[in-house]
Amino acid sequence: MIITSDGITIDGELVSTDDLTAAKNVTGDIQAQLDDKVDHDTYTSGLATKADSSTVSSLSSTVDLKAPLESPSFTGNLTASGGISTLANASSMLGTTRLIDNQVFSLTTSAQSIYINGSNLIPTGTYILKIYLNGANWYSETRVGIMQWYGGTTNNGGATEIHLTGFGHAANAGTLYARVLRTYSNLNTHALQIWASVNSSPNITIDVKRIM
């Protein structure tokens, strides 16, 4: 590499000072707009570049500042000054699927299935199970637990209880329980179930959010 007043020569190719200045100006312009958090939907930049020693061609690029990143890859630490959210369902990491949306549900002292694997809404993975109850002596109560789900078929009758922790205004309708239940014969009918220590009919919303 040879640096002169005319520019920089690399492997016999001269990059003139004018080209270097133009590139610097474009880069600085883009950075300034991003730093100022512009409201433009897109940014278009143009730069004249030498295709060979005698020809000058025009290079133009457009960046959509509001478009979502598709399958981004990061090396090292990722720091976010705000929240990280996703519109995906539970088939994607951090995606959420709503199983029951603010419906009156008759809780009894016997376990009832609220999701059966044959519905194919939840693939194998680890999930946060969130249950919100209101009405019928449940007052703005939320219960949360960690659930492991298996998206294949099962051939056993065992059940695993999900430990629920929660908080809210007042829980005057007993205790809520949840579990995952296997079933025999690979029928794809294993289920997520809930029940309570006292019968009641509150409005319930149930979400699962995939974390692993």
N, C-alpha and C. Protein backbone atom coordinates (compact mmCIF):
# COMPACT_ATOMS: atom_id res chain seq x y z
N MET A 1 0.85 -1.19 0.00
CA MET A 1 0.00 0.00 0.00
C MET A 1 0.89 1.24 0.00
N ILE A 2 0.59 2.18 -0.90
CA ILE A 2 1.37 3.42 -1.03
C ILE A 2 0.41 4.60 -0.85
N ILE A 3 0.74 5.48 0.09
CA ILE A 3 -0.09 6.65 0.37
C ILE A 3 0.61 7.88 -0.18
N THR A 4 -0.09 8.60 -1.05
CA THR A 4 0.44 9.84 -1.62
C THR A 4 -0.64 10.91 -1.51
N SER A 5 -0.33 12.10 -1.99
CA SER A 5 -1.31 13.19 -1.97
C SER A 5 -2.47 12.92 -2.91
N ASP A 6 -2.27 12.02 -3.89
CA ASP A 6 -3.34 11.68 -4.84
C ASP A 6 -4.31 10.65 -4.27
N GLY A 7 -3.91 9.93 -3.23
CA GLY A 7 -4.76 8.90 -2.67
C GLY A 7 -3.95 7.73 -2.16
N ILE A 8 -4.55 6.54 -2.18
CA ILE A 8 -3.91 5.32 -1.70
C ILE A 8 -3.85 4.33 -2.85
N THR A 9 -2.67 3.77 -3.10
CA THR A 9 -2.50 2.76 -4.13
C THR A 9 -2.35 1.40 -3.47
N ILE A 10 -3.27 0.47 -3.81
CA ILE A 10 -3.25 -0.89 -3.26
C ILE A 10 -3.20 -1.85 -4.43
N ASP A 11 -2.14 -2.69 -4.47
CA ASP A 11 -1.96 -3.66 -5.56
C ASP A 11 -2.08 -3.00 -6.93
N GLY A 12 -1.49 -1.81 -7.07
CA GLY A 12 -1.50 -1.12 -8.34
C GLY A 12 -2.77 -0.37 -8.65
N GLU A 13 -3.78 -0.42 -7.77
CA GLU A 13 -5.06 0.25 -7.99
C GLU A 13 -5.10 1.52 -7.15
N LEU A 14 -5.33 2.66 -7.77
CA LEU A 14 -5.36 3.94 -7.08
C LEU A 14 -6.78 4.26 -6.62
N VAL A 15 -6.93 4.47 -5.31
CA VAL A 15 -8.18 4.99 -4.76
C VAL A 15 -7.92 6.45 -4.45
N SER A 16 -8.56 7.35 -5.20
CA SER A 16 -8.24 8.77 -5.11
C SER A 16 -8.74 9.37 -3.81
N THR A 17 -8.18 10.52 -3.49
CA THR A 17 -8.63 11.23 -2.29
C THR A 17 -10.09 11.66 -2.41
N ASP A 18 -10.53 11.93 -3.62
CA ASP A 18 -11.95 12.28 -3.82
C ASP A 18 -12.86 11.11 -3.46
N ASP A 19 -12.46 9.88 -3.93
CA ASP A 19 -13.25 8.69 -3.60
C ASP A 19 -13.27 8.45 -2.11
N LEU A 20 -12.13 8.61 -1.45
CA LEU A 20 -12.05 8.40 -0.01
C LEU A 20 -12.91 9.40 0.74
N THR A 21 -12.90 10.64 0.30
CA THR A 21 -13.71 11.68 0.94
C THR A 21 -15.19 11.40 0.77
N ALA A 22 -15.58 10.97 -0.44
CA ALA A 22 -17.00 10.66 -0.69
C ALA A 22 -17.46 9.52 0.19
N ALA A 23 -16.63 8.47 0.32
CA ALA A 23 -16.99 7.33 1.16
C ALA A 23 -17.12 7.74 2.61
N LYS A 24 -16.21 8.58 3.07
CA LYS A 24 -16.26 9.05 4.44
C LYS A 24 -17.51 9.87 4.70
N ASN A 25 -17.88 10.73 3.73
CA ASN A 25 -19.06 11.58 3.89
C ASN A 25 -20.34 10.76 3.96
N VAL A 26 -20.45 9.72 3.08
CA VAL A 26 -21.64 8.87 3.08
C VAL A 26 -21.75 8.11 4.39
N THR A 27 -20.63 7.54 4.84
CA THR A 27 -20.64 6.79 6.10
C THR A 27 -21.02 7.69 7.27
N GLY A 28 -20.46 8.89 7.29
CA GLY A 28 -20.79 9.82 8.36
C GLY A 28 -22.24 10.26 8.31
N ASP A 29 -22.79 10.42 7.10
CA ASP A 29 -24.18 10.83 6.94
C ASP A 29 -25.13 9.77 7.47
N ILE A 30 -24.84 8.50 7.12
CA ILE A 30 -25.68 7.40 7.62
C ILE A 30 -25.62 7.33 9.14
N GLN A 31 -24.43 7.41 9.70
CA GLN A 31 -24.27 7.33 11.15
C GLN A 31 -25.00 8.47 11.85
N ALA A 32 -24.90 9.69 11.26
CA ALA A 32 -25.56 10.84 11.86
C ALA A 32 -27.07 10.66 11.91
N GLN A 33 -27.64 10.11 10.83
CA GLN A 33 -29.09 9.90 10.79
C GLN A 33 -29.51 8.84 11.80
N LEU A 34 -28.72 7.78 11.91
CA LEU A 34 -29.06 6.74 12.89
C LEU A 34 -28.92 7.26 14.31
N ASP A 35 -27.87 8.05 14.57
CA ASP A 35 -27.67 8.61 15.89
C ASP A 35 -28.81 9.55 16.28
N ASP A 36 -29.32 10.28 15.28
CA ASP A 36 -30.42 11.20 15.54
C ASP A 36 -31.77 10.51 15.56
N LYS A 37 -31.78 9.17 15.32
CA LYS A 37 -33.01 8.38 15.32
C LYS A 37 -34.04 8.96 14.36
N VAL A 38 -33.66 9.04 13.10
CA VAL A 38 -34.54 9.61 12.10
C VAL A 38 -35.83 8.82 12.00
N ASP A 39 -36.89 9.50 11.55
CA ASP A 39 -38.19 8.87 11.40
C ASP A 39 -38.42 8.37 9.99
N HIS A 40 -37.40 8.46 9.11
CA HIS A 40 -37.57 8.00 7.74
C HIS A 40 -37.75 6.50 7.72
N ASP A 41 -38.58 6.03 6.80
CA ASP A 41 -38.76 4.59 6.64
C ASP A 41 -37.53 3.96 6.01
N THR A 42 -36.90 4.68 5.06
CA THR A 42 -35.72 4.13 4.38
C THR A 42 -34.67 5.21 4.23
N TYR A 43 -33.45 4.77 4.00
CA TYR A 43 -32.36 5.70 3.70
C TYR A 43 -31.65 5.19 2.46
N THR A 44 -31.47 6.07 1.48
CA THR A 44 -30.80 5.70 0.24
C THR A 44 -29.52 6.50 0.10
N SER A 45 -28.43 5.81 -0.17
CA SER A 45 -27.15 6.49 -0.34
C SER A 45 -26.59 6.18 -1.72
N GLY A 46 -25.86 7.13 -2.28
CA GLY A 46 -25.22 6.91 -3.56
C GLY A 46 -23.73 7.20 -3.45
N LEU A 47 -22.92 6.41 -4.13
CA LEU A 47 -21.47 6.59 -4.06
C LEU A 47 -20.87 6.21 -5.40
N ALA A 48 -20.05 7.10 -5.96
CA ALA A 48 -19.36 6.80 -7.21
C ALA A 48 -18.11 5.99 -6.89
N THR A 49 -17.97 4.85 -7.50
CA THR A 49 -16.81 3.98 -7.25
C THR A 49 -16.14 3.62 -8.56
N LYS A 50 -14.85 3.39 -8.52
CA LYS A 50 -14.11 2.99 -9.72
C LYS A 50 -14.22 1.49 -9.93
N ALA A 51 -14.77 1.11 -11.07
CA ALA A 51 -14.84 -0.30 -11.40
C ALA A 51 -13.49 -0.80 -11.89
N ASP A 52 -12.76 0.03 -12.59
CA ASP A 52 -11.40 -0.30 -13.01
C ASP A 52 -10.62 1.01 -13.09
N SER A 53 -9.49 1.00 -13.67
CA SER A 53 -8.64 2.20 -13.67
C SER A 53 -9.16 3.32 -14.54
N SER A 54 -10.15 3.03 -15.42
CA SER A 54 -10.60 4.06 -16.34
C SER A 54 -12.10 4.34 -16.30
N THR A 55 -12.86 3.49 -15.61
CA THR A 55 -14.31 3.61 -15.65
C THR A 55 -14.84 3.92 -14.25
N VAL A 56 -15.79 4.82 -14.18
CA VAL A 56 -16.44 5.14 -12.90
C VAL A 56 -17.88 4.67 -12.97
N SER A 57 -18.30 3.89 -11.99
CA SER A 57 -19.68 3.40 -11.94
C SER A 57 -20.37 3.94 -10.70
N SER A 58 -21.70 3.90 -10.70
CA SER A 58 -22.48 4.43 -9.57
C SER A 58 -23.03 3.29 -8.74
N LEU A 59 -22.83 3.36 -7.43
CA LEU A 59 -23.33 2.34 -6.51
C LEU A 59 -24.38 2.99 -5.63
N SER A 60 -25.58 2.45 -5.63
CA SER A 60 -26.65 3.00 -4.80
C SER A 60 -27.24 1.90 -3.95
N SER A 61 -27.49 2.19 -2.66
CA SER A 61 -28.07 1.19 -1.76
C SER A 61 -29.16 1.83 -0.93
N THR A 62 -30.19 1.03 -0.61
CA THR A 62 -31.30 1.50 0.20
C THR A 62 -31.42 0.63 1.44
N VAL A 63 -31.51 1.27 2.60
CA VAL A 63 -31.63 0.55 3.86
C VAL A 63 -33.00 0.85 4.45
N ASP A 64 -33.78 -0.21 4.72
CA ASP A 64 -35.07 -0.05 5.37
C ASP A 64 -34.85 -0.03 6.87
N LEU A 65 -35.00 1.14 7.48
CA LEU A 65 -34.68 1.30 8.89
C LEU A 65 -35.73 0.69 9.80
N LYS A 66 -36.91 0.39 9.27
CA LYS A 66 -37.98 -0.14 10.11
C LYS A 66 -38.26 -1.61 9.85
N ALA A 67 -37.56 -2.20 8.89
CA ALA A 67 -37.81 -3.61 8.58
C ALA A 67 -37.23 -4.50 9.67
N PRO A 68 -37.93 -5.60 10.03
CA PRO A 68 -37.39 -6.51 11.04
C PRO A 68 -36.20 -7.28 10.49
N LEU A 69 -35.30 -7.63 11.39
CA LEU A 69 -34.17 -8.46 11.00
C LEU A 69 -34.64 -9.90 10.82
N GLU A 70 -34.22 -10.55 9.76
CA GLU A 70 -34.58 -11.94 9.54
C GLU A 70 -33.40 -12.83 9.89
N SER A 71 -33.60 -13.69 10.88
CA SER A 71 -32.59 -14.65 11.33
C SER A 71 -31.25 -13.97 11.60
N PRO A 72 -31.23 -12.96 12.49
CA PRO A 72 -29.95 -12.30 12.78
C PRO A 72 -29.03 -13.24 13.55
N SER A 73 -27.75 -13.07 13.40
CA SER A 73 -26.75 -13.88 14.09
C SER A 73 -25.80 -12.95 14.83
N PHE A 74 -25.53 -13.25 16.10
CA PHE A 74 -24.68 -12.41 16.91
C PHE A 74 -23.55 -13.24 17.50
N THR A 75 -22.38 -12.63 17.60
CA THR A 75 -21.25 -13.23 18.28
C THR A 75 -20.86 -12.33 19.43
N GLY A 76 -20.80 -12.86 20.64
CA GLY A 76 -20.51 -12.04 21.80
C GLY A 76 -21.78 -11.70 22.55
N ASN A 77 -21.72 -10.64 23.34
CA ASN A 77 -22.86 -10.24 24.18
C ASN A 77 -23.82 -9.34 23.42
N LEU A 78 -25.10 -9.50 23.69
CA LEU A 78 -26.14 -8.67 23.09
C LEU A 78 -26.75 -7.81 24.19
N THR A 79 -26.70 -6.50 24.03
CA THR A 79 -27.23 -5.58 25.03
C THR A 79 -28.38 -4.79 24.43
N ALA A 80 -29.51 -4.72 25.14
CA ALA A 80 -30.67 -3.97 24.67
C ALA A 80 -31.04 -2.94 25.72
N SER A 81 -31.19 -1.68 25.31
CA SER A 81 -31.57 -0.63 26.25
C SER A 81 -33.07 -0.65 26.53
N GLY A 82 -33.83 -1.29 25.65
CA GLY A 82 -35.28 -1.42 25.84
C GLY A 82 -35.67 -2.88 25.94
N GLY A 83 -36.96 -3.17 25.81
CA GLY A 83 -37.44 -4.53 25.90
C GLY A 83 -37.25 -5.29 24.60
N ILE A 84 -37.26 -6.62 24.70
CA ILE A 84 -37.19 -7.49 23.53
C ILE A 84 -38.51 -8.23 23.45
N SER A 85 -39.23 -8.09 22.35
CA SER A 85 -40.53 -8.73 22.21
C SER A 85 -40.60 -9.49 20.89
N THR A 86 -41.57 -10.38 20.80
CA THR A 86 -41.76 -11.16 19.58
C THR A 86 -43.24 -11.34 19.31
N LEU A 87 -43.60 -11.36 18.04
CA LEU A 87 -44.98 -11.59 17.64
C LEU A 87 -45.21 -13.06 17.28
N ALA A 88 -44.17 -13.88 17.41
CA ALA A 88 -44.27 -15.27 17.02
C ALA A 88 -45.07 -16.07 18.04
N ASN A 89 -45.53 -17.26 17.61
CA ASN A 89 -46.20 -18.15 18.55
C ASN A 89 -45.19 -19.11 19.16
N ALA A 90 -45.68 -20.10 19.90
CA ALA A 90 -44.80 -20.95 20.68
C ALA A 90 -43.93 -21.88 19.83
N SER A 91 -44.12 -21.88 18.51
CA SER A 91 -43.24 -22.68 17.66
C SER A 91 -41.86 -22.03 17.55
N SER A 92 -41.72 -20.77 17.98
CA SER A 92 -40.46 -20.06 17.93
C SER A 92 -40.00 -19.71 19.34
N MET A 93 -38.67 -19.60 19.51
CA MET A 93 -38.13 -19.22 20.80
C MET A 93 -38.69 -17.87 21.24
N LEU A 94 -39.13 -17.78 22.49
CA LEU A 94 -39.74 -16.60 23.10
C LEU A 94 -41.13 -16.29 22.52
N GLY A 95 -41.63 -17.17 21.67
CA GLY A 95 -42.97 -16.99 21.14
C GLY A 95 -44.02 -17.41 22.16
N THR A 96 -45.21 -16.84 22.04
CA THR A 96 -46.29 -17.10 22.99
C THR A 96 -47.52 -17.61 22.26
N THR A 97 -48.16 -18.64 22.83
CA THR A 97 -49.43 -19.14 22.31
C THR A 97 -50.48 -19.05 23.41
N ARG A 98 -51.62 -18.47 23.08
CA ARG A 98 -52.72 -18.36 24.05
C ARG A 98 -53.63 -19.56 23.90
N LEU A 99 -53.80 -20.31 24.97
CA LEU A 99 -54.63 -21.51 24.95
C LEU A 99 -56.08 -21.21 25.30
N ILE A 100 -56.30 -20.29 26.23
CA ILE A 100 -57.65 -19.87 26.61
C ILE A 100 -57.63 -18.36 26.74
N ASP A 101 -58.60 -17.69 26.12
CA ASP A 101 -58.60 -16.22 26.09
C ASP A 101 -59.81 -15.68 26.85
N ASN A 102 -59.61 -15.39 28.12
CA ASN A 102 -60.61 -14.73 28.96
C ASN A 102 -61.98 -15.39 28.86
N GLN A 103 -62.01 -16.70 29.07
CA GLN A 103 -63.25 -17.46 29.01
C GLN A 103 -63.67 -17.92 30.41
N VAL A 104 -64.96 -18.00 30.63
CA VAL A 104 -65.45 -18.57 31.88
C VAL A 104 -65.13 -20.05 31.89
N PHE A 105 -64.46 -20.51 32.93
CA PHE A 105 -64.01 -21.90 33.01
C PHE A 105 -64.47 -22.49 34.34
N SER A 106 -65.08 -23.66 34.27
CA SER A 106 -65.59 -24.31 35.48
C SER A 106 -64.48 -25.15 36.12
N LEU A 107 -63.79 -24.55 37.09
CA LEU A 107 -62.77 -25.28 37.83
C LEU A 107 -63.43 -26.24 38.80
N THR A 108 -62.94 -27.47 38.83
CA THR A 108 -63.45 -28.45 39.77
C THR A 108 -62.28 -29.08 40.51
N THR A 109 -62.58 -29.95 41.44
CA THR A 109 -61.53 -30.63 42.20
C THR A 109 -60.93 -31.80 41.43
N SER A 110 -61.43 -32.07 40.24
CA SER A 110 -60.87 -33.11 39.37
C SER A 110 -60.09 -32.45 38.23
N ALA A 111 -58.97 -33.05 37.85
CA ALA A 111 -58.13 -32.50 36.79
C ALA A 111 -58.87 -32.50 35.46
N GLN A 112 -58.81 -31.37 34.73
CA GLN A 112 -59.43 -31.24 33.42
C GLN A 112 -58.38 -30.83 32.40
N SER A 113 -58.45 -31.43 31.23
CA SER A 113 -57.50 -31.10 30.15
C SER A 113 -57.86 -29.77 29.52
N ILE A 114 -56.89 -28.86 29.44
CA ILE A 114 -57.10 -27.58 28.77
C ILE A 114 -56.35 -27.52 27.45
N TYR A 115 -55.42 -28.46 27.25
CA TYR A 115 -54.73 -28.56 25.96
C TYR A 115 -54.35 -30.01 25.74
N ILE A 116 -54.67 -30.52 24.53
CA ILE A 116 -54.33 -31.90 24.14
C ILE A 116 -53.34 -31.84 22.98
N ASN A 117 -52.33 -32.68 23.01
CA ASN A 117 -51.23 -32.58 22.06
C ASN A 117 -51.68 -32.67 20.60
N GLY A 118 -52.78 -33.36 20.34
CA GLY A 118 -53.25 -33.49 18.97
C GLY A 118 -53.59 -32.17 18.33
N SER A 119 -53.73 -31.10 19.12
CA SER A 119 -54.02 -29.78 18.57
C SER A 119 -52.81 -29.18 17.85
N ASN A 120 -51.61 -29.72 18.15
CA ASN A 120 -50.36 -29.31 17.46
C ASN A 120 -50.06 -27.82 17.58
N LEU A 121 -50.33 -27.24 18.74
CA LEU A 121 -50.02 -25.84 18.96
C LEU A 121 -48.69 -25.65 19.69
N ILE A 122 -48.25 -26.67 20.41
CA ILE A 122 -47.06 -26.54 21.25
C ILE A 122 -46.06 -27.64 20.89
N PRO A 123 -44.91 -27.28 20.31
CA PRO A 123 -43.88 -28.28 20.03
C PRO A 123 -43.09 -28.63 21.29
N THR A 124 -42.25 -29.64 21.19
CA THR A 124 -41.39 -30.01 22.31
C THR A 124 -40.56 -28.82 22.75
N GLY A 125 -40.52 -28.57 24.04
CA GLY A 125 -39.74 -27.44 24.55
C GLY A 125 -40.07 -27.14 26.00
N THR A 126 -39.40 -26.14 26.54
CA THR A 126 -39.61 -25.68 27.91
C THR A 126 -40.37 -24.36 27.86
N TYR A 127 -41.39 -24.23 28.69
CA TYR A 127 -42.31 -23.10 28.60
C TYR A 127 -42.59 -22.47 29.97
N ILE A 128 -42.88 -21.18 29.93
CA ILE A 128 -43.50 -20.52 31.07
C ILE A 128 -45.01 -20.65 30.89
N LEU A 129 -45.66 -21.23 31.86
CA LEU A 129 -47.11 -21.36 31.86
C LEU A 129 -47.68 -20.24 32.72
N LYS A 130 -48.56 -19.42 32.14
CA LYS A 130 -49.14 -18.29 32.86
C LYS A 130 -50.66 -18.41 32.84
N ILE A 131 -51.26 -18.39 34.02
CA ILE A 131 -52.71 -18.53 34.16
C ILE A 131 -53.24 -17.31 34.92
N TYR A 132 -54.14 -16.57 34.29
CA TYR A 132 -54.75 -15.41 34.93
C TYR A 132 -56.21 -15.73 35.23
N LEU A 133 -56.64 -15.46 36.49
CA LEU A 133 -58.00 -15.76 36.93
C LEU A 133 -58.62 -14.50 37.53
N ASN A 134 -59.89 -14.27 37.20
CA ASN A 134 -60.61 -13.13 37.77
C ASN A 134 -62.10 -13.46 37.84
N GLY A 135 -62.69 -13.17 38.98
CA GLY A 135 -64.10 -13.47 39.19
C GLY A 135 -64.28 -14.75 40.00
N ALA A 136 -65.49 -14.94 40.54
CA ALA A 136 -65.82 -16.13 41.31
C ALA A 136 -64.83 -16.32 42.47
N ASN A 137 -64.59 -15.24 43.20
CA ASN A 137 -63.69 -15.21 44.36
C ASN A 137 -62.21 -15.30 44.00
N TRP A 138 -61.89 -15.20 42.70
CA TRP A 138 -60.51 -14.97 42.28
C TRP A 138 -60.43 -13.50 41.88
N TYR A 139 -59.55 -12.74 42.49
CA TYR A 139 -59.48 -11.31 42.23
C TYR A 139 -58.12 -10.93 41.64
N SER A 140 -58.11 -10.82 40.30
CA SER A 140 -56.89 -10.44 39.57
C SER A 140 -55.70 -11.28 40.03
N GLU A 141 -55.87 -12.58 39.99
CA GLU A 141 -54.83 -13.51 40.42
C GLU A 141 -54.09 -14.11 39.23
N THR A 142 -52.78 -14.18 39.32
CA THR A 142 -51.95 -14.78 38.27
C THR A 142 -51.12 -15.92 38.87
N ARG A 143 -51.09 -17.04 38.17
CA ARG A 143 -50.26 -18.18 38.57
C ARG A 143 -49.27 -18.47 37.44
N VAL A 144 -48.01 -18.73 37.80
CA VAL A 144 -46.96 -18.95 36.82
C VAL A 144 -46.15 -20.18 37.22
N GLY A 145 -45.78 -20.99 36.23
CA GLY A 145 -44.94 -22.16 36.48
C GLY A 145 -44.11 -22.50 35.26
N ILE A 146 -43.12 -23.35 35.43
CA ILE A 146 -42.28 -23.83 34.33
C ILE A 146 -42.79 -25.20 33.90
N MET A 147 -43.06 -25.34 32.61
CA MET A 147 -43.62 -26.58 32.07
C MET A 147 -42.69 -27.14 30.99
N GLN A 148 -42.40 -28.43 31.07
CA GLN A 148 -41.73 -29.12 29.98
C GLN A 148 -42.78 -29.86 29.17
N TRP A 149 -42.76 -29.62 27.83
CA TRP A 149 -43.76 -30.26 26.97
C TRP A 149 -43.07 -31.17 25.97
N TYR A 150 -43.76 -32.26 25.62
CA TYR A 150 -43.25 -33.20 24.61
C TYR A 150 -44.24 -33.25 23.47
N GLY A 151 -43.76 -32.94 22.25
CA GLY A 151 -44.64 -32.86 21.10
C GLY A 151 -44.86 -34.16 20.37
N GLY A 152 -44.16 -35.24 20.79
CA GLY A 152 -44.38 -36.54 20.16
C GLY A 152 -45.54 -37.27 20.81
N THR A 153 -45.61 -38.58 20.61
CA THR A 153 -46.65 -39.39 21.26
C THR A 153 -46.10 -40.05 22.51
N THR A 154 -46.98 -40.47 23.39
CA THR A 154 -46.57 -41.09 24.66
C THR A 154 -47.19 -42.47 24.82
N ASN A 155 -46.60 -43.25 25.71
CA ASN A 155 -47.11 -44.60 25.97
C ASN A 155 -46.92 -44.94 27.44
N ASN A 156 -47.50 -44.06 28.28
CA ASN A 156 -47.39 -44.22 29.73
C ASN A 156 -48.49 -43.39 30.35
N GLY A 157 -48.90 -43.74 31.55
CA GLY A 157 -49.99 -43.01 32.18
C GLY A 157 -49.56 -42.08 33.29
N GLY A 158 -48.27 -41.77 33.38
CA GLY A 158 -47.77 -40.95 34.47
C GLY A 158 -48.09 -39.46 34.29
N ALA A 159 -48.07 -38.73 35.41
CA ALA A 159 -48.31 -37.29 35.39
C ALA A 159 -47.21 -36.59 36.18
N THR A 160 -46.90 -35.36 35.78
CA THR A 160 -45.91 -34.54 36.48
C THR A 160 -46.56 -33.21 36.84
N GLU A 161 -46.61 -32.91 38.14
CA GLU A 161 -47.24 -31.66 38.57
C GLU A 161 -46.33 -30.47 38.27
N ILE A 162 -46.93 -29.36 37.92
CA ILE A 162 -46.22 -28.11 37.64
C ILE A 162 -46.35 -27.21 38.86
N HIS A 163 -45.24 -26.85 39.47
CA HIS A 163 -45.28 -25.97 40.64
C HIS A 163 -45.70 -24.57 40.20
N LEU A 164 -46.75 -24.06 40.81
CA LEU A 164 -47.25 -22.74 40.46
C LEU A 164 -46.97 -21.74 41.59
N THR A 165 -46.43 -20.62 41.20
CA THR A 165 -46.29 -19.50 42.13
C THR A 165 -47.14 -18.37 41.62
N GLY A 166 -47.59 -17.49 42.48
CA GLY A 166 -48.47 -16.45 41.98
C GLY A 166 -48.75 -15.36 42.98
N PHE A 167 -49.50 -14.37 42.50
CA PHE A 167 -49.82 -13.22 43.32
C PHE A 167 -51.02 -12.52 42.69
N GLY A 168 -51.65 -11.65 43.44
CA GLY A 168 -52.78 -10.90 42.94
C GLY A 168 -53.47 -10.16 44.07
N HIS A 169 -54.67 -9.67 43.82
CA HIS A 169 -55.40 -8.90 44.84
C HIS A 169 -55.88 -9.80 45.98
N ALA A 170 -56.56 -10.89 45.63
CA ALA A 170 -57.06 -11.81 46.66
C ALA A 170 -57.43 -13.14 46.01
N ALA A 171 -57.04 -14.23 46.67
CA ALA A 171 -57.40 -15.58 46.20
C ALA A 171 -58.28 -16.22 47.27
N ASN A 172 -59.59 -16.05 47.09
CA ASN A 172 -60.55 -16.56 48.08
C ASN A 172 -61.27 -17.80 47.58
N ALA A 173 -60.71 -18.45 46.56
CA ALA A 173 -61.39 -19.62 45.98
C ALA A 173 -60.50 -20.85 46.01
N GLY A 174 -59.67 -20.96 47.03
CA GLY A 174 -58.85 -22.16 47.17
C GLY A 174 -57.51 -22.06 46.45
N THR A 175 -56.99 -23.22 46.08
CA THR A 175 -55.66 -23.33 45.47
C THR A 175 -55.78 -23.92 44.07
N LEU A 176 -55.02 -23.36 43.14
CA LEU A 176 -55.01 -23.84 41.76
C LEU A 176 -53.84 -24.79 41.55
N TYR A 177 -54.06 -25.84 40.78
CA TYR A 177 -53.02 -26.83 40.49
C TYR A 177 -52.92 -27.04 38.97
N ALA A 178 -51.76 -27.51 38.52
CA ALA A 178 -51.56 -27.82 37.09
C ALA A 178 -50.61 -29.00 36.96
N ARG A 179 -50.74 -29.74 35.87
CA ARG A 179 -49.86 -30.88 35.61
C ARG A 179 -49.86 -31.21 34.13
N VAL A 180 -48.86 -31.99 33.71
CA VAL A 180 -48.86 -32.59 32.38
C VAL A 180 -49.10 -34.09 32.56
N LEU A 181 -49.96 -34.64 31.71
CA LEU A 181 -50.39 -36.04 31.83
C LEU A 181 -50.05 -36.81 30.57
N ARG A 182 -49.30 -37.90 30.71
CA ARG A 182 -49.05 -38.80 29.58
C ARG A 182 -50.26 -39.73 29.39
N THR A 183 -50.39 -40.29 28.19
CA THR A 183 -51.42 -41.29 27.93
C THR A 183 -50.80 -42.47 27.20
N TYR A 184 -51.46 -43.60 27.27
CA TYR A 184 -50.96 -44.83 26.65
C TYR A 184 -51.26 -44.90 25.15
N SER A 185 -50.59 -45.83 24.50
CA SER A 185 -50.90 -46.29 23.14
C SER A 185 -50.61 -45.29 22.03
N ASN A 186 -49.75 -44.29 22.30
CA ASN A 186 -49.33 -43.35 21.25
C ASN A 186 -50.51 -42.69 20.55
N LEU A 187 -51.53 -42.34 21.31
CA LEU A 187 -52.75 -41.77 20.72
C LEU A 187 -52.67 -40.26 20.54
N ASN A 188 -51.56 -39.66 20.96
CA ASN A 188 -51.38 -38.21 20.82
C ASN A 188 -52.42 -37.43 21.63
N THR A 189 -52.80 -37.99 22.77
CA THR A 189 -53.82 -37.35 23.61
C THR A 189 -53.27 -36.91 24.96
N HIS A 190 -51.94 -36.91 25.13
CA HIS A 190 -51.40 -36.41 26.40
C HIS A 190 -51.73 -34.93 26.52
N ALA A 191 -51.83 -34.45 27.76
CA ALA A 191 -52.50 -33.16 27.96
C ALA A 191 -51.89 -32.33 29.08
N LEU A 192 -52.19 -31.03 29.00
CA LEU A 192 -51.97 -30.09 30.10
C LEU A 192 -53.29 -29.97 30.84
N GLN A 193 -53.24 -30.14 32.17
CA GLN A 193 -54.47 -30.16 32.95
C GLN A 193 -54.40 -29.18 34.12
N ILE A 194 -55.55 -28.68 34.54
CA ILE A 194 -55.64 -27.85 35.73
C ILE A 194 -56.83 -28.31 36.58
N TRP A 195 -56.77 -27.99 37.88
CA TRP A 195 -57.88 -28.24 38.80
C TRP A 195 -57.67 -27.36 40.02
N ALA A 196 -58.61 -27.37 40.94
CA ALA A 196 -58.52 -26.52 42.12
C ALA A 196 -59.01 -27.26 43.35
N SER A 197 -58.73 -26.68 44.50
CA SER A 197 -59.16 -27.31 45.76
C SER A 197 -60.63 -27.03 46.05
N VAL A 198 -61.19 -26.02 45.36
CA VAL A 198 -62.59 -25.64 45.55
C VAL A 198 -63.21 -25.38 44.17
N ASN A 199 -64.45 -25.80 43.98
CA ASN A 199 -65.13 -25.53 42.71
C ASN A 199 -65.41 -24.03 42.55
N SER A 200 -65.17 -23.51 41.34
CA SER A 200 -65.48 -22.11 41.03
C SER A 200 -65.50 -21.93 39.52
N SER A 201 -66.02 -20.78 39.05
CA SER A 201 -66.11 -20.54 37.61
C SER A 201 -65.60 -19.14 37.28
N PRO A 202 -64.30 -18.91 37.38
CA PRO A 202 -63.75 -17.60 37.06
C PRO A 202 -63.51 -17.44 35.55
N ASN A 203 -63.24 -16.21 35.14
CA ASN A 203 -62.71 -15.98 33.80
C ASN A 203 -61.22 -16.31 33.82
N ILE A 204 -60.79 -17.08 32.81
CA ILE A 204 -59.41 -17.55 32.79
C ILE A 204 -58.75 -17.22 31.45
N THR A 205 -57.51 -16.79 31.52
CA THR A 205 -56.65 -16.64 30.35
C THR A 205 -55.39 -17.44 30.59
N ILE A 206 -55.03 -18.29 29.63
CA ILE A 206 -53.85 -19.15 29.79
C ILE A 206 -52.92 -18.97 28.59
N ASP A 207 -51.65 -18.64 28.88
CA ASP A 207 -50.63 -18.49 27.87
C ASP A 207 -49.45 -19.41 28.17
N VAL A 208 -48.77 -19.86 27.11
CA VAL A 208 -47.49 -20.56 27.26
C VAL A 208 -46.45 -19.82 26.42
N LYS A 209 -45.30 -19.57 27.01
CA LYS A 209 -44.22 -18.84 26.35
C LYS A 209 -42.97 -19.71 26.32
N ARG A 210 -42.45 -19.97 25.12
CA ARG A 210 -41.33 -20.88 24.98
C ARG A 210 -40.03 -20.20 25.37
N ILE A 211 -39.25 -20.84 26.24
CA ILE A 211 -38.00 -20.27 26.72
C ILE A 211 -36.79 -21.15 26.39
N MET A 212 -37.00 -22.39 26.00
CA MET A 212 -35.89 -23.28 25.61
C MET A 212 -36.37 -24.24 24.54
